[in-house]
Amino acid sequence: MEINKIYNENCLDTMKRMDDNFIDLIVTSPPYDNLRKYKGYSFDFENIAQELYRVTKKGGVVVWIVGDAVIKGSETGTSFRQALYFMAVSYTHLTLPT
């Protein structure tokens, strides 16, 4: 990967070419709850979350900006489910002392 270069492509394609622990800070506001149309783009949340965890340096930060749609006066809970998934991904990568 070339540093300070813009890659206009699917983020999964870009992250797959990155080494582990490559990025200090990621700020993103991905599509959520079908609130916008993305011209056929499908949002692969689970794989993106796993790759984000892999490429973020230990001690690095991912800022994940999402909100929930409101349906019949109630929020969908998408942001909460995504937070739980990120926690699960981090727990599966824990290295326990021997």
Protein backbone atom coordinates (compact mmCIF):
# COMPACT_ATOMS: atom_id res chain seq x y z
CA MET A 1 0.00 0.00 0.00
CA GLU A 2 1.19 3.45 -0.85
CA ILE A 3 0.90 5.97 2.01
CA ASN A 4 -0.93 9.30 1.38
CA LYS A 5 -2.66 7.99 -1.73
CA ILE A 6 -6.43 7.89 -2.30
CA TYR A 7 -7.88 4.56 -3.38
CA ASN A 8 -11.35 4.84 -4.93
CA GLU A 9 -12.50 1.26 -4.60
CA ASN A 10 -14.40 -1.11 -2.34
CA CYS A 11 -12.93 -0.75 1.16
CA LEU A 12 -12.66 -4.54 1.53
CA ASP A 13 -10.42 -4.71 -1.55
CA THR A 14 -8.21 -1.97 -0.13
CA MET A 15 -8.01 -3.36 3.40
CA LYS A 16 -7.14 -6.85 2.14
CA ARG A 17 -3.92 -5.41 0.71
CA MET A 18 -2.99 -3.81 4.06
CA ASP A 19 -0.75 -5.44 6.59
CA ASP A 20 -2.04 -6.22 10.07
CA ASN A 21 -1.81 -3.28 12.51
CA PHE A 22 -1.43 -0.77 9.65
CA ILE A 23 -3.68 2.17 10.62
CA ASP A 24 -3.80 4.39 13.72
CA LEU A 25 -7.23 5.99 13.21
CA ILE A 26 -10.27 5.17 11.07
CA VAL A 27 -13.26 7.52 10.88
CA THR A 28 -16.24 6.30 8.88
CA SER A 29 -19.97 6.76 8.52
CA PRO A 30 -21.06 3.66 6.61
CA PRO A 31 -24.51 3.03 5.14
CA TYR A 32 -27.03 1.80 7.68
CA ASP A 33 -30.70 0.85 7.89
CA ASN A 34 -31.27 1.44 4.16
CA LEU A 35 -31.64 5.16 4.83
CA ARG A 36 -29.93 6.02 1.54
CA LYS A 37 -29.58 4.43 -1.89
CA TYR A 38 -26.06 3.40 -2.87
CA LYS A 39 -26.54 2.44 -6.53
CA GLY A 40 -26.52 -1.31 -5.96
CA TYR A 41 -23.65 -1.33 -3.49
CA SER A 42 -24.10 -4.01 -0.88
CA PHE A 43 -22.78 -3.29 2.61
CA ASP A 44 -20.93 -6.34 3.98
CA PHE A 45 -20.82 -5.23 7.62
CA GLU A 46 -19.40 -8.42 9.15
CA ASN A 47 -16.41 -8.68 6.80
CA ILE A 48 -15.75 -4.95 7.01
CA ALA A 49 -15.76 -5.07 10.82
CA GLN A 50 -13.31 -7.98 10.84
CA GLU A 51 -10.95 -6.25 8.40
CA LEU A 52 -11.15 -2.97 10.34
CA TYR A 53 -10.10 -4.80 13.48
CA ARG A 54 -7.23 -6.52 11.66
CA VAL A 55 -5.76 -3.38 10.03
CA THR A 56 -6.11 -1.09 13.06
CA LYS A 57 -2.97 -0.88 15.19
CA LYS A 58 -3.04 -2.06 18.78
CA GLY A 59 -4.16 1.01 20.72
CA GLY A 60 -5.64 2.52 17.54
CA VAL A 61 -9.18 3.83 17.24
CA VAL A 62 -12.11 3.14 14.92
CA VAL A 63 -14.79 5.85 14.99
CA TRP A 64 -17.94 4.21 13.61
CA ILE A 65 -20.69 6.80 13.09
CA VAL A 66 -24.12 5.22 12.61
CA GLY A 67 -27.66 5.85 13.70
CA ASP A 68 -30.82 3.86 13.77
CA ALA A 69 -33.87 4.26 11.60
CA VAL A 70 -37.11 4.84 13.47
CA ILE A 71 -39.92 2.48 12.51
CA LYS A 72 -43.34 2.87 14.09
CA GLY A 73 -41.84 5.11 16.80
CA SER A 74 -39.09 2.68 17.79
CA GLU A 75 -35.41 2.63 16.88
CA THR A 76 -34.17 -0.42 14.99
CA GLY A 77 -31.19 -1.10 17.28
CA THR A 78 -28.78 -1.51 14.36
CA SER A 79 -26.06 0.58 16.03
CA PHE A 80 -26.27 -1.52 19.21
CA ARG A 81 -26.07 -4.80 17.27
CA GLN A 82 -23.06 -3.48 15.36
CA ALA A 83 -21.33 -2.46 18.62
CA LEU A 84 -21.91 -5.97 20.00
CA TYR A 85 -20.46 -7.48 16.82
CA PHE A 86 -17.32 -5.32 17.11
CA MET A 87 -16.95 -6.53 20.71
CA ALA A 88 -17.28 -10.15 19.57
CA VAL A 89 -14.64 -9.64 16.87
CA SER A 90 -12.22 -8.15 19.40
CA TYR A 91 -12.78 -11.02 21.85
CA THR A 92 -12.03 -13.64 19.20
CA HIS A 93 -8.63 -11.98 18.64
CA LEU A 94 -7.56 -11.75 22.29
CA THR A 95 -4.16 -13.21 23.10
CA LEU A 96 -4.19 -14.74 26.54
CA PRO A 97 -0.98 -14.86 28.57
CA THR A 98 0.60 -18.30 28.83
